[in-house]
Amino acid sequence: MSTIDRAGLEAHLCSLGLKTPIPHFADLDVLTDPLDLAKTYLADQVQEIVQGGADHALSAVQLPATVDPLGGDLTIILPKLAREVGLGVDELRDSIISKVRLMGGTRLH
């Protein structure tokens, strides 16, 4: 199966049980950058959990400065996200933890 276009990639991801269509974030290129694909799904989950805007969720998902980007680690910058959604860091952290627990842990579908 070819995954060189968005439809092919979505078909492949769907066969793996991931949410499709792929969430859309204009600044990310999911076809050529695997980390952008991961950022897309993580930012979509952050947006759903905090009930915030897509731009805020995406801007909070970053590569840690101390990690090799090829390793694929991503982090959510809580202070930045808290400022953007108008909450305190502790309040946002507790809200995220409780919502993730209610969802049965993390999920991408």
Protein backbone atom coordinates (compact mmCIF):
# COMPACT_ATOMS: atom_id res chain seq x y z
CA MET A 1 0.00 0.00 0.00
CA SER A 2 1.35 3.39 -0.96
CA THR A 3 1.29 6.08 1.69
CA ILE A 4 2.74 8.92 -0.39
CA ASP A 5 -0.48 10.92 -0.35
CA ARG A 6 -2.78 11.92 2.49
CA ALA A 7 -5.49 9.42 1.56
CA GLY A 8 -2.99 6.55 1.51
CA LEU A 9 -1.49 7.62 4.84
CA GLU A 10 -4.95 7.90 6.40
CA ALA A 11 -5.92 4.46 5.10
CA HIS A 12 -2.77 3.00 6.64
CA LEU A 13 -3.28 4.78 9.97
CA CYS A 14 -6.92 3.70 10.04
CA SER A 15 -5.83 0.07 9.57
CA LEU A 16 -3.65 0.55 12.67
CA GLY A 17 -6.64 1.80 14.66
CA LEU A 18 -5.75 5.49 14.71
CA LYS A 19 -8.26 8.30 14.35
CA THR A 20 -8.84 9.38 10.78
CA PRO A 21 -9.01 11.70 9.03
CA ILE A 22 -5.71 12.97 10.38
CA PRO A 23 -6.35 16.09 12.48
CA HIS A 24 -5.42 19.17 10.46
CA PHE A 25 -2.89 21.73 11.64
CA ALA A 26 -1.82 24.09 8.85
CA ASP A 27 1.81 24.43 9.93
CA LEU A 28 2.50 20.69 10.03
CA ASP A 29 3.48 18.47 7.11
CA VAL A 30 2.37 14.97 8.06
CA LEU A 31 3.44 13.49 4.72
CA THR A 32 7.12 14.30 4.99
CA ASP A 33 7.86 14.68 8.71
CA PRO A 34 7.01 11.79 11.07
CA LEU A 35 7.35 14.11 14.08
CA ASP A 36 4.75 16.40 12.55
CA LEU A 37 2.41 13.42 12.37
CA ALA A 38 3.01 12.69 16.06
CA LYS A 39 2.58 16.39 16.93
CA THR A 40 -0.72 16.40 15.05
CA TYR A 41 -2.19 13.57 17.07
CA LEU A 42 -0.79 14.83 20.39
CA ALA A 43 -2.00 18.39 19.79
CA ASP A 44 -5.43 17.04 18.87
CA GLN A 45 -5.58 15.15 22.17
CA VAL A 46 -4.38 18.20 24.12
CA GLN A 47 -7.03 20.32 22.42
CA GLU A 48 -9.73 17.79 23.31
CA ILE A 49 -8.62 17.48 26.93
CA VAL A 50 -8.24 21.18 27.72
CA GLN A 51 -11.10 22.32 25.49
CA GLY A 52 -8.79 24.98 24.08
CA GLY A 53 -7.99 26.28 20.65
CA ALA A 54 -6.01 24.28 18.12
CA ASP A 55 -3.27 26.91 17.88
CA HIS A 56 -2.81 26.90 21.67
CA ALA A 57 -2.61 23.12 21.80
CA LEU A 58 -0.11 22.94 18.95
CA SER A 59 2.11 25.68 20.34
CA ALA A 60 2.34 23.79 23.65
CA VAL A 61 3.57 20.58 21.96
CA GLN A 62 7.31 20.83 21.47
CA LEU A 63 10.52 18.87 21.19
CA PRO A 64 12.52 19.10 24.41
CA ALA A 65 15.70 21.09 23.84
CA THR A 66 17.84 18.38 25.43
CA VAL A 67 16.56 15.53 23.27
CA ASP A 68 17.75 14.36 19.87
CA PRO A 69 14.83 15.17 17.53
CA LEU A 70 15.35 11.89 15.71
CA GLY A 71 14.35 10.13 18.93
CA GLY A 72 10.84 11.47 18.49
CA ASP A 73 10.21 12.61 22.05
CA LEU A 74 7.59 15.31 22.44
CA THR A 75 6.57 17.28 25.49
CA ILE A 76 3.65 19.47 26.47
CA ILE A 77 4.76 22.80 27.93
CA LEU A 78 2.18 23.21 30.70
CA PRO A 79 3.06 26.78 31.75
CA LYS A 80 2.65 27.98 28.17
CA LEU A 81 -0.61 26.08 27.70
CA ALA A 82 -1.95 27.25 31.05
CA ARG A 83 -1.34 30.89 30.12
CA GLU A 84 -3.04 30.42 26.77
CA VAL A 85 -6.16 28.77 28.22
CA GLY A 86 -6.32 31.11 31.22
CA LEU A 87 -5.61 28.63 34.03
CA GLY A 88 -2.93 28.20 36.66
CA VAL A 89 -0.32 25.51 35.96
CA ASP A 90 -1.39 23.35 38.92
CA GLU A 91 -5.05 23.70 38.00
CA LEU A 92 -4.35 22.71 34.39
CA ARG A 93 -2.14 19.79 35.45
CA ASP A 94 -4.81 18.43 37.79
CA SER A 95 -7.50 18.87 35.15
CA ILE A 96 -5.46 17.01 32.53
CA ILE A 97 -4.66 14.17 34.93
CA SER A 98 -8.29 13.70 35.91
CA LYS A 99 -9.53 13.82 32.31
CA VAL A 100 -6.90 11.36 31.11
CA ARG A 101 -7.85 8.99 33.93
CA LEU A 102 -11.53 9.26 32.97
CA MET A 103 -10.57 8.43 29.38
CA GLY A 104 -8.79 5.30 30.57
CA GLY A 105 -5.28 6.56 30.01
CA THR A 106 -3.87 8.12 26.90
CA ARG A 107 -5.37 7.30 23.55
CA LEU A 108 -5.06 8.32 19.93
CA HIS A 109 -8.40 7.12 18.63
